[in-house]
Amino acid sequence: MRFMCRFRIPVAVGNRLAQEGKLGLKLQAILEEQKPEAVYFSMDQGKRTAFVVLNIDNPSQIPAIAEPWFHAVEAEMDADPAMTPEDLKNAGPDIEAAVKKYA
């Protein structure tokens, strides 16, 4: 299943790693290992943030995804299921059934 993962890097940690020239290297290493479908960098809640789209087929994969971020950059992590337009189209009958039953 596809997930939109949000990794927030604490400002002090990001600053220290940036000053040491290590922030980009650590992020690159993690992303090369995890091979995400897509990655976007921005800010969230005033912190450097990576928005990473990953396929997670089994909950047992979550530690392998989260731990590198926790240890390398002390990131906070959120993960939300995400759909492509095709996924949403395929969900149409189930959405319609729920609307008919509960609306």
PDB file of N, CA and C in Angstrom:
ATOM      1  N   MET A   1       0.844  -1.169   0.000  1.00  0.00           N
ATOM      2  CA  MET A   1       0.000   0.000   0.000  1.00  0.00           C
ATOM      3  C   MET A   1       0.893   1.238   0.000  1.00  0.00           C
ATOM      4  N   ARG A   2       0.445   2.244  -0.704  1.00  0.00           N
ATOM      5  CA  ARG A   2       1.206   3.486  -0.822  1.00  0.00           C
ATOM      6  C   ARG A   2       0.925   4.377   0.393  1.00  0.00           C
ATOM      7  N   PHE A   3       1.973   4.947   0.958  1.00  0.00           N
ATOM      8  CA  PHE A   3       1.855   5.865   2.094  1.00  0.00           C
ATOM      9  C   PHE A   3       2.596   7.158   1.801  1.00  0.00           C
ATOM     10  N   MET A   4       2.008   8.259   2.260  1.00  0.00           N
ATOM     11  CA  MET A   4       2.681   9.556   2.258  1.00  0.00           C
ATOM     12  C   MET A   4       3.293   9.698   3.643  1.00  0.00           C
ATOM     13  N   CYS A   5       4.604   9.626   3.710  1.00  0.00           N
ATOM     14  CA  CYS A   5       5.311   9.738   4.991  1.00  0.00           C
ATOM     15  C   CYS A   5       5.859  11.152   5.134  1.00  0.00           C
ATOM     16  N   ARG A   6       5.733  11.688   6.324  1.00  0.00           N
ATOM     17  CA  ARG A   6       6.226  13.036   6.615  1.00  0.00           C
ATOM     18  C   ARG A   6       7.300  12.900   7.687  1.00  0.00           C
ATOM     19  N   PHE A   7       8.498  13.357   7.359  1.00  0.00           N
ATOM     20  CA  PHE A   7       9.613  13.310   8.296  1.00  0.00           C
ATOM     21  C   PHE A   7      10.016  14.743   8.631  1.00  0.00           C
ATOM     22  N   ARG A   8       9.780  15.154   9.883  1.00  0.00           N
ATOM     23  CA  ARG A   8      10.134  16.503  10.336  1.00  0.00           C
ATOM     24  C   ARG A   8      11.456  16.433  11.092  1.00  0.00           C
ATOM     25  N   ILE A   9      12.400  17.265  10.673  1.00  0.00           N
ATOM     26  CA  ILE A   9      13.727  17.289  11.288  1.00  0.00           C
ATOM     27  C   ILE A   9      13.784  18.458  12.261  1.00  0.00           C
ATOM     28  N   PRO A  10      14.108  18.209  13.523  1.00  0.00           N
ATOM     29  CA  PRO A  10      14.206  19.315  14.478  1.00  0.00           C
ATOM     30  C   PRO A  10      15.191  20.380  13.981  1.00  0.00           C
ATOM     31  N   VAL A  11      14.848  21.645  14.203  1.00  0.00           N
ATOM     32  CA  VAL A  11      15.651  22.752  13.685  1.00  0.00           C
ATOM     33  C   VAL A  11      17.098  22.673  14.165  1.00  0.00           C
ATOM     34  N   ALA A  12      17.310  22.459  15.443  1.00  0.00           N
ATOM     35  CA  ALA A  12      18.678  22.440  15.980  1.00  0.00           C
ATOM     36  C   ALA A  12      19.498  21.309  15.357  1.00  0.00           C
ATOM     37  N   VAL A  13      18.880  20.150  15.188  1.00  0.00           N
ATOM     38  CA  VAL A  13      19.591  19.016  14.595  1.00  0.00           C
ATOM     39  C   VAL A  13      19.907  19.319  13.131  1.00  0.00           C
ATOM     40  N   GLY A  14      18.920  19.836  12.395  1.00  0.00           N
ATOM     41  CA  GLY A  14      19.137  20.188  10.992  1.00  0.00           C
ATOM     42  C   GLY A  14      20.219  21.237  10.827  1.00  0.00           C
ATOM     43  N   ASN A  15      20.205  22.249  11.707  1.00  0.00           N
ATOM     44  CA  ASN A  15      21.236  23.291  11.640  1.00  0.00           C
ATOM     45  C   ASN A  15      22.622  22.713  11.876  1.00  0.00           C
ATOM     46  N   ARG A  16      22.738  21.889  12.907  1.00  0.00           N
ATOM     47  CA  ARG A  16      24.044  21.302  13.226  1.00  0.00           C
ATOM     48  C   ARG A  16      24.561  20.454  12.064  1.00  0.00           C
ATOM     49  N   LEU A  17      23.696  19.593  11.525  1.00  0.00           N
ATOM     50  CA  LEU A  17      24.113  18.733  10.420  1.00  0.00           C
ATOM     51  C   LEU A  17      24.435  19.545   9.169  1.00  0.00           C
ATOM     52  N   ALA A  18      23.663  20.600   8.915  1.00  0.00           N
ATOM     53  CA  ALA A  18      23.942  21.461   7.758  1.00  0.00           C
ATOM     54  C   ALA A  18      25.298  22.148   7.921  1.00  0.00           C
ATOM     55  N   GLN A  19      25.581  22.644   9.123  1.00  0.00           N
ATOM     56  CA  GLN A  19      26.864  23.316   9.373  1.00  0.00           C
ATOM     57  C   GLN A  19      28.038  22.350   9.230  1.00  0.00           C
ATOM     58  N   GLU A  20      27.806  21.096   9.563  1.00  0.00           N
ATOM     59  CA  GLU A  20      28.847  20.075   9.440  1.00  0.00           C
ATOM     60  C   GLU A  20      28.943  19.514   8.019  1.00  0.00           C
ATOM     61  N   GLY A  21      28.030  19.929   7.140  1.00  0.00           N
ATOM     62  CA  GLY A  21      28.016  19.415   5.777  1.00  0.00           C
ATOM     63  C   GLY A  21      27.488  18.000   5.665  1.00  0.00           C
ATOM     64  N   LYS A  22      26.717  17.548   6.661  1.00  0.00           N
ATOM     65  CA  LYS A  22      26.258  16.162   6.695  1.00  0.00           C
ATOM     66  C   LYS A  22      24.770  15.980   6.387  1.00  0.00           C
ATOM     67  N   LEU A  23      23.993  17.043   6.437  1.00  0.00           N
ATOM     68  CA  LEU A  23      22.544  16.887   6.290  1.00  0.00           C
ATOM     69  C   LEU A  23      22.178  16.270   4.945  1.00  0.00           C
ATOM     70  N   GLY A  24      22.655  16.850   3.872  1.00  0.00           N
ATOM     71  CA  GLY A  24      22.351  16.328   2.540  1.00  0.00           C
ATOM     72  C   GLY A  24      22.843  14.907   2.339  1.00  0.00           C
ATOM     73  N   LEU A  25      24.019  14.611   2.871  1.00  0.00           N
ATOM     74  CA  LEU A  25      24.581  13.269   2.729  1.00  0.00           C
ATOM     75  C   LEU A  25      23.724  12.228   3.442  1.00  0.00           C
ATOM     76  N   LYS A  26      23.269  12.554   4.648  1.00  0.00           N
ATOM     77  CA  LYS A  26      22.435  11.619   5.407  1.00  0.00           C
ATOM     78  C   LYS A  26      21.097  11.391   4.711  1.00  0.00           C
ATOM     79  N   LEU A  27      20.479  12.474   4.229  1.00  0.00           N
ATOM     80  CA  LEU A  27      19.194  12.338   3.537  1.00  0.00           C
ATOM     81  C   LEU A  27      19.350  11.526   2.259  1.00  0.00           C
ATOM     82  N   GLN A  28      20.410  11.808   1.513  1.00  0.00           N
ATOM     83  CA  GLN A  28      20.661  11.078   0.273  1.00  0.00           C
ATOM     84  C   GLN A  28      20.849   9.581   0.541  1.00  0.00           C
ATOM     85  N   ALA A  29      21.572   9.244   1.584  1.00  0.00           N
ATOM     86  CA  ALA A  29      21.815   7.839   1.907  1.00  0.00           C
ATOM     87  C   ALA A  29      20.507   7.119   2.246  1.00  0.00           C
ATOM     88  N   ILE A  30      19.671   7.766   3.047  1.00  0.00           N
ATOM     89  CA  ILE A  30      18.393   7.151   3.413  1.00  0.00           C
ATOM     90  C   ILE A  30      17.531   6.943   2.171  1.00  0.00           C
ATOM     91  N   LEU A  31      17.429   7.972   1.344  1.00  0.00           N
ATOM     92  CA  LEU A  31      16.564   7.890   0.169  1.00  0.00           C
ATOM     93  C   LEU A  31      17.072   6.877  -0.852  1.00  0.00           C
ATOM     94  N   GLU A  32      18.368   6.758  -1.002  1.00  0.00           N
ATOM     95  CA  GLU A  32      18.921   5.746  -1.907  1.00  0.00           C
ATOM     96  C   GLU A  32      18.563   4.341  -1.426  1.00  0.00           C
ATOM     97  N   GLU A  33      18.553   4.157  -0.124  1.00  0.00           N
ATOM     98  CA  GLU A  33      18.230   2.848   0.454  1.00  0.00           C
ATOM     99  C   GLU A  33      16.731   2.547   0.347  1.00  0.00           C
ATOM    100  N   GLN A  34      15.891   3.547   0.593  1.00  0.00           N
ATOM    101  CA  GLN A  34      14.457   3.307   0.655  1.00  0.00           C
ATOM    102  C   GLN A  34      13.773   3.361  -0.712  1.00  0.00           C
ATOM    103  N   LYS A  35      14.401   3.960  -1.704  1.00  0.00           N
ATOM    104  CA  LYS A  35      13.887   4.018  -3.070  1.00  0.00           C
ATOM    105  C   LYS A  35      12.406   4.444  -3.120  1.00  0.00           C
ATOM    106  N   PRO A  36      12.105   5.659  -2.661  1.00  0.00           N
ATOM    107  CA  PRO A  36      10.715   6.117  -2.672  1.00  0.00           C
ATOM    108  C   PRO A  36      10.195   6.367  -4.083  1.00  0.00           C
ATOM    109  N   GLU A  37       8.869   6.342  -4.188  1.00  0.00           N
ATOM    110  CA  GLU A  37       8.205   6.666  -5.450  1.00  0.00           C
ATOM    111  C   GLU A  37       8.366   8.150  -5.773  1.00  0.00           C
ATOM    112  N   ALA A  38       8.320   8.982  -4.736  1.00  0.00           N
ATOM    113  CA  ALA A  38       8.485  10.428  -4.904  1.00  0.00           C
ATOM    114  C   ALA A  38       8.972  11.023  -3.588  1.00  0.00           C
ATOM    115  N   VAL A  39       9.669  12.167  -3.686  1.00  0.00           N
ATOM    116  CA  VAL A  39      10.163  12.884  -2.508  1.00  0.00           C
ATOM    117  C   VAL A  39      10.021  14.375  -2.762  1.00  0.00           C
ATOM    118  N   TYR A  40       9.524  15.073  -1.752  1.00  0.00           N
ATOM    119  CA  TYR A  40       9.430  16.529  -1.808  1.00  0.00           C
ATOM    120  C   TYR A  40       9.944  17.086  -0.494  1.00  0.00           C
ATOM    121  N   PHE A  41      10.708  18.171  -0.569  1.00  0.00           N
ATOM    122  CA  PHE A  41      11.213  18.825   0.635  1.00  0.00           C
ATOM    123  C   PHE A  41      10.515  20.165   0.790  1.00  0.00           C
ATOM    124  N   SER A  42      10.137  20.469   2.025  1.00  0.00           N
ATOM    125  CA  SER A  42       9.450  21.708   2.323  1.00  0.00           C
ATOM    126  C   SER A  42       9.621  21.983   3.810  1.00  0.00           C
ATOM    127  N   MET A  43       8.699  22.766   4.366  1.00  0.00           N
ATOM    128  CA  MET A  43       8.651  22.988   5.811  1.00  0.00           C
ATOM    129  C   MET A  43       7.281  22.564   6.312  1.00  0.00           C
ATOM    130  N   ASP A  44       7.236  22.078   7.523  1.00  0.00           N
ATOM    131  CA  ASP A  44       5.986  21.761   8.186  1.00  0.00           C
ATOM    132  C   ASP A  44       6.180  22.057   9.661  1.00  0.00           C
ATOM    133  N   GLN A  45       5.276  22.806  10.215  1.00  0.00           N
ATOM    134  CA  GLN A  45       5.367  23.200  11.618  1.00  0.00           C
ATOM    135  C   GLN A  45       6.713  23.860  11.925  1.00  0.00           C
ATOM    136  N   GLY A  46       7.224  24.625  10.955  1.00  0.00           N
ATOM    137  CA  GLY A  46       8.471  25.358  11.137  1.00  0.00           C
ATOM    138  C   GLY A  46       9.727  24.506  11.110  1.00  0.00           C
ATOM    139  N   LYS A  47       9.621  23.268  10.653  1.00  0.00           N
ATOM    140  CA  LYS A  47      10.775  22.363  10.617  1.00  0.00           C
ATOM    141  C   LYS A  47      11.044  21.911   9.193  1.00  0.00           C
ATOM    142  N   ARG A  48      12.318  21.658   8.885  1.00  0.00           N
ATOM    143  CA  ARG A  48      12.661  21.048   7.607  1.00  0.00           C
ATOM    144  C   ARG A  48      11.897  19.728   7.529  1.00  0.00           C
ATOM    145  N   THR A  49      11.253  19.500   6.394  1.00  0.00           N
ATOM    146  CA  THR A  49      10.396  18.318   6.290  1.00  0.00           C
ATOM    147  C   THR A  49      10.571  17.650   4.937  1.00  0.00           C
ATOM    148  N   ALA A  50      10.637  16.325   4.971  1.00  0.00           N
ATOM    149  CA  ALA A  50      10.640  15.523   3.749  1.00  0.00           C
ATOM    150  C   ALA A  50       9.290  14.824   3.649  1.00  0.00           C
ATOM    151  N   PHE A  51       8.626  14.989   2.511  1.00  0.00           N
ATOM    152  CA  PHE A  51       7.395  14.270   2.208  1.00  0.00           C
ATOM    153  C   PHE A  51       7.791  13.153   1.257  1.00  0.00           C
ATOM    154  N   VAL A  52       7.640  11.923   1.698  1.00  0.00           N
ATOM    155  CA  VAL A  52       8.181  10.779   0.986  1.00  0.00           C
ATOM    156  C   VAL A  52       7.052   9.790   0.699  1.00  0.00           C
ATOM    157  N   VAL A  53       6.877   9.426  -0.571  1.00  0.00           N
ATOM    158  CA  VAL A  53       5.855   8.457  -0.951  1.00  0.00           C
ATOM    159  C   VAL A  53       6.526   7.093  -1.064  1.00  0.00           C
ATOM    160  N   LEU A  54       6.058   6.170  -0.223  1.00  0.00           N
ATOM    161  CA  LEU A  54       6.645   4.829  -0.165  1.00  0.00           C
ATOM    162  C   LEU A  54       5.557   3.769  -0.234  1.00  0.00           C
ATOM    163  N   ASN A  55       5.909   2.612  -0.766  1.00  0.00           N
ATOM    164  CA  ASN A  55       5.015   1.467  -0.709  1.00  0.00           C
ATOM    165  C   ASN A  55       5.381   0.638   0.512  1.00  0.00           C
ATOM    166  N   ILE A  56       4.392   0.425   1.361  1.00  0.00           N
ATOM    167  CA  ILE A  56       4.577  -0.377   2.568  1.00  0.00           C
ATOM    168  C   ILE A  56       3.585  -1.522   2.481  1.00  0.00           C
ATOM    169  N   ASP A  57       4.085  -2.717   2.224  1.00  0.00           N
ATOM    170  CA  ASP A  57       3.215  -3.876   2.042  1.00  0.00           C
ATOM    171  C   ASP A  57       2.864  -4.568   3.347  1.00  0.00           C
ATOM    172  N   ASN A  58       3.712  -4.366   4.361  1.00  0.00           N
ATOM    173  CA  ASN A  58       3.520  -5.084   5.616  1.00  0.00           C
ATOM    174  C   ASN A  58       3.929  -4.160   6.762  1.00  0.00           C
ATOM    175  N   PRO A  59       3.150  -4.114   7.835  1.00  0.00           N
ATOM    176  CA  PRO A  59       3.517  -3.251   8.961  1.00  0.00           C
ATOM    177  C   PRO A  59       4.911  -3.529   9.523  1.00  0.00           C
ATOM    178  N   SER A  60       5.417  -4.734   9.324  1.00  0.00           N
ATOM    179  CA  SER A  60       6.758  -5.047   9.830  1.00  0.00           C
ATOM    180  C   SER A  60       7.843  -4.246   9.115  1.00  0.00           C
ATOM    181  N   GLN A  61       7.513  -3.601   7.989  1.00  0.00           N
ATOM    182  CA  GLN A  61       8.480  -2.779   7.263  1.00  0.00           C
ATOM    183  C   GLN A  61       8.651  -1.392   7.891  1.00  0.00           C
ATOM    184  N   ILE A  62       7.721  -0.989   8.730  1.00  0.00           N
ATOM    185  CA  ILE A  62       7.750   0.371   9.272  1.00  0.00           C
ATOM    186  C   ILE A  62       9.037   0.665  10.044  1.00  0.00           C
ATOM    187  N   PRO A  63       9.511  -0.211  10.927  1.00  0.00           N
ATOM    188  CA  PRO A  63      10.777   0.106  11.606  1.00  0.00           C
ATOM    189  C   PRO A  63      11.949   0.304  10.648  1.00  0.00           C
ATOM    190  N   ALA A  64      12.016  -0.485   9.586  1.00  0.00           N
ATOM    191  CA  ALA A  64      13.117  -0.330   8.621  1.00  0.00           C
ATOM    192  C   ALA A  64      13.038   1.013   7.904  1.00  0.00           C
ATOM    193  N   ILE A  65      11.836   1.550   7.790  1.00  0.00           N
ATOM    194  CA  ILE A  65      11.665   2.865   7.172  1.00  0.00           C
ATOM    195  C   ILE A  65      11.942   3.969   8.182  1.00  0.00           C
ATOM    196  N   ALA A  66      11.395   3.842   9.371  1.00  0.00           N
ATOM    197  CA  ALA A  66      11.473   4.916  10.364  1.00  0.00           C
ATOM    198  C   ALA A  66      12.839   5.041  11.035  1.00  0.00           C
ATOM    199  N   GLU A  67      13.454   3.943  11.413  1.00  0.00           N
ATOM    200  CA  GLU A  67      14.681   4.003  12.224  1.00  0.00           C
ATOM    201  C   GLU A  67      15.805   4.807  11.583  1.00  0.00           C
ATOM    202  N   PRO A  68      16.065   4.674  10.277  1.00  0.00           N
ATOM    203  CA  PRO A  68      17.125   5.511   9.702  1.00  0.00           C
ATOM    204  C   PRO A  68      16.862   7.006   9.891  1.00  0.00           C
ATOM    205  N   TRP A  69      15.610   7.425   9.731  1.00  0.00           N
ATOM    206  CA  TRP A  69      15.259   8.836   9.922  1.00  0.00           C
ATOM    207  C   TRP A  69      15.408   9.243  11.383  1.00  0.00           C
ATOM    208  N   PHE A  70      14.986   8.367  12.295  1.00  0.00           N
ATOM    209  CA  PHE A  70      15.098   8.669  13.726  1.00  0.00           C
ATOM    210  C   PHE A  70      16.559   8.858  14.133  1.00  0.00           C
ATOM    211  N   HIS A  71      17.411   7.948  13.696  1.00  0.00           N
ATOM    212  CA  HIS A  71      18.806   7.971  14.143  1.00  0.00           C
ATOM    213  C   HIS A  71      19.670   8.972  13.379  1.00  0.00           C
ATOM    214  N   ALA A  72      19.456   9.089  12.076  1.00  0.00           N
ATOM    215  CA  ALA A  72      20.319   9.972  11.277  1.00  0.00           C
ATOM    216  C   ALA A  72      20.020  11.448  11.495  1.00  0.00           C
ATOM    217  N   VAL A  73      18.721  11.799  11.622  1.00  0.00           N
ATOM    218  CA  VAL A  73      18.368  13.219  11.712  1.00  0.00           C
ATOM    219  C   VAL A  73      17.358  13.516  12.820  1.00  0.00           C
ATOM    220  N   GLU A  74      17.116  12.537  13.694  1.00  0.00           N
ATOM    221  CA  GLU A  74      16.189  12.677  14.827  1.00  0.00           C
ATOM    222  C   GLU A  74      14.804  13.147  14.382  1.00  0.00           C
ATOM    223  N   ALA A  75      14.346  12.661  13.226  1.00  0.00           N
ATOM    224  CA  ALA A  75      13.084  13.107  12.648  1.00  0.00           C
ATOM    225  C   ALA A  75      11.875  12.554  13.398  1.00  0.00           C
ATOM    226  N   GLU A  76      10.793  13.315  13.335  1.00  0.00           N
ATOM    227  CA  GLU A  76       9.471  12.834  13.736  1.00  0.00           C
ATOM    228  C   GLU A  76       8.840  12.254  12.478  1.00  0.00           C
ATOM    229  N   MET A  77       7.990  11.241  12.620  1.00  0.00           N
ATOM    230  CA  MET A  77       7.395  10.610  11.443  1.00  0.00           C
ATOM    231  C   MET A  77       5.890  10.511  11.582  1.00  0.00           C
ATOM    232  N   ASP A  78       5.202  10.826  10.494  1.00  0.00           N
ATOM    233  CA  ASP A  78       3.783  10.535  10.329  1.00  0.00           C
ATOM    234  C   ASP A  78       3.659   9.767   9.024  1.00  0.00           C
ATOM    235  N   ALA A  79       2.685   8.871   8.934  1.00  0.00           N
ATOM    236  CA  ALA A  79       2.453   8.129   7.697  1.00  0.00           C
ATOM    237  C   ALA A  79       0.951   8.001   7.478  1.00  0.00           C
ATOM    238  N   ASP A  80       0.514   8.392   6.299  1.00  0.00           N
ATOM    239  CA  ASP A  80      -0.899   8.332   5.947  1.00  0.00           C
ATOM    240  C   ASP A  80      -1.069   7.553   4.655  1.00  0.00           C
ATOM    241  N   PRO A  81      -2.081   6.685   4.589  1.00  0.00           N
ATOM    242  CA  PRO A  81      -2.347   6.002   3.323  1.00  0.00           C
ATOM    243  C   PRO A  81      -2.614   7.033   2.236  1.00  0.00           C
ATOM    244  N   ALA A  82      -2.181   6.746   1.025  1.00  0.00           N
ATOM    245  CA  ALA A  82      -2.352   7.677  -0.089  1.00  0.00           C
ATOM    246  C   ALA A  82      -2.799   6.900  -1.327  1.00  0.00           C
ATOM    247  N   MET A  83      -3.608   7.580  -2.168  1.00  0.00           N
ATOM    248  CA  MET A  83      -4.116   6.952  -3.382  1.00  0.00           C
ATOM    249  C   MET A  83      -3.757   7.787  -4.600  1.00  0.00           C
ATOM    250  N   THR A  84      -3.575   7.114  -5.709  1.00  0.00           N
ATOM    251  CA  THR A  84      -3.447   7.771  -7.001  1.00  0.00           C
ATOM    252  C   THR A  84      -4.862   8.015  -7.534  1.00  0.00           C
ATOM    253  N   PRO A  85      -4.998   8.819  -8.585  1.00  0.00           N
ATOM    254  CA  PRO A  85      -6.328   8.974  -9.185  1.00  0.00           C
ATOM    255  C   PRO A  85      -6.935   7.626  -9.605  1.00  0.00           C
ATOM    256  N   GLU A  86      -6.115   6.724 -10.091  1.00  0.00           N
ATOM    257  CA  GLU A  86      -6.602   5.394 -10.482  1.00  0.00           C
ATOM    258  C   GLU A  86      -7.131   4.617  -9.272  1.00  0.00           C
ATOM    259  N   ASP A  87      -6.409   4.693  -8.150  1.00  0.00           N
ATOM    260  CA  ASP A  87      -6.884   4.043  -6.924  1.00  0.00           C
ATOM    261  C   ASP A  87      -8.244   4.593  -6.509  1.00  0.00           C
ATOM    262  N   LEU A  88      -8.385   5.916  -6.567  1.00  0.00           N
ATOM    263  CA  LEU A  88      -9.648   6.550  -6.190  1.00  0.00           C
ATOM    264  C   LEU A  88     -10.770   6.120  -7.124  1.00  0.00           C
ATOM    265  N   LYS A  89     -10.474   6.036  -8.412  1.00  0.00           N
ATOM    266  CA  LYS A  89     -11.471   5.567  -9.378  1.00  0.00           C
ATOM    267  C   LYS A  89     -11.927   4.150  -9.028  1.00  0.00           C
ATOM    268  N   ASN A  90     -10.976   3.289  -8.701  1.00  0.00           N
ATOM    269  CA  ASN A  90     -11.307   1.910  -8.343  1.00  0.00           C
ATOM    270  C   ASN A  90     -12.123   1.820  -7.055  1.00  0.00           C
ATOM    271  N   ALA A  91     -11.980   2.815  -6.196  1.00  0.00           N
ATOM    272  CA  ALA A  91     -12.735   2.843  -4.937  1.00  0.00           C
ATOM    273  C   ALA A  91     -14.149   3.376  -5.116  1.00  0.00           C
ATOM    274  N   GLY A  92     -14.452   3.904  -6.294  1.00  0.00           N
ATOM    275  CA  GLY A  92     -15.745   4.521  -6.557  1.00  0.00           C
ATOM    276  C   GLY A  92     -16.947   3.690  -6.144  1.00  0.00           C
ATOM    277  N   PRO A  93     -17.027   2.417  -6.530  1.00  0.00           N
ATOM    278  CA  PRO A  93     -18.181   1.615  -6.126  1.00  0.00           C
ATOM    279  C   PRO A  93     -18.339   1.486  -4.606  1.00  0.00           C
ATOM    280  N   ASP A  94     -17.244   1.359  -3.904  1.00  0.00           N
ATOM    281  CA  ASP A  94     -17.328   1.262  -2.439  1.00  0.00           C
ATOM    282  C   ASP A  94     -17.781   2.587  -1.827  1.00  0.00           C
ATOM    283  N   ILE A  95     -17.313   3.699  -2.392  1.00  0.00           N
ATOM    284  CA  ILE A  95     -17.741   5.010  -1.899  1.00  0.00           C
ATOM    285  C   ILE A  95     -19.239   5.179  -2.135  1.00  0.00           C
ATOM    286  N   GLU A  96     -19.697   4.834  -3.340  1.00  0.00           N
ATOM    287  CA  GLU A  96     -21.122   4.951  -3.653  1.00  0.00           C
ATOM    288  C   GLU A  96     -21.964   4.085  -2.740  1.00  0.00           C
ATOM    289  N   ALA A  97     -21.508   2.865  -2.464  1.00  0.00           N
ATOM    290  CA  ALA A  97     -22.254   1.969  -1.569  1.00  0.00           C
ATOM    291  C   ALA A  97     -22.352   2.553  -0.165  1.00  0.00           C
ATOM    292  N   ALA A  98     -21.262   3.144   0.321  1.00  0.00           N
ATOM    293  CA  ALA A  98     -21.275   3.741   1.653  1.00  0.00           C
ATOM    294  C   ALA A  98     -22.210   4.951   1.704  1.00  0.00           C
ATOM    295  N   VAL A  99     -22.214   5.746   0.628  1.00  0.00           N
ATOM    296  CA  VAL A  99     -23.101   6.901   0.573  1.00  0.00           C
ATOM    297  C   VAL A  99     -24.560   6.443   0.620  1.00  0.00           C
ATOM    298  N   LYS A 100     -24.894   5.431  -0.159  1.00  0.00           N
ATOM    299  CA  LYS A 100     -26.268   4.922  -0.179  1.00  0.00           C
ATOM    300  C   LYS A 100     -26.678   4.359   1.185  1.00  0.00           C
ATOM    301  N   LYS A 101     -25.760   3.723   1.856  1.00  0.00           N
ATOM    302  CA  LYS A 101     -26.082   3.079   3.126  1.00  0.00           C
ATOM    303  C   LYS A 101     -26.116   4.055   4.295  1.00  0.00           C
ATOM    304  N   TYR A 102     -25.198   5.036   4.329  1.00  0.00           N
ATOM    305  CA  TYR A 102     -25.034   5.865   5.527  1.00  0.00           C
ATOM    306  C   TYR A 102     -25.408   7.319   5.365  1.00  0.00           C
ATOM    307  N   ALA A 103     -25.584   7.803   4.147  1.00  0.00           N
ATOM    308  CA  ALA A 103     -25.879   9.243   3.978  1.00  0.00           C
ATOM    309  C   ALA A 103     -27.362   9.523   4.149  1.00  0.00           C
TER     310      ALA A 103
END
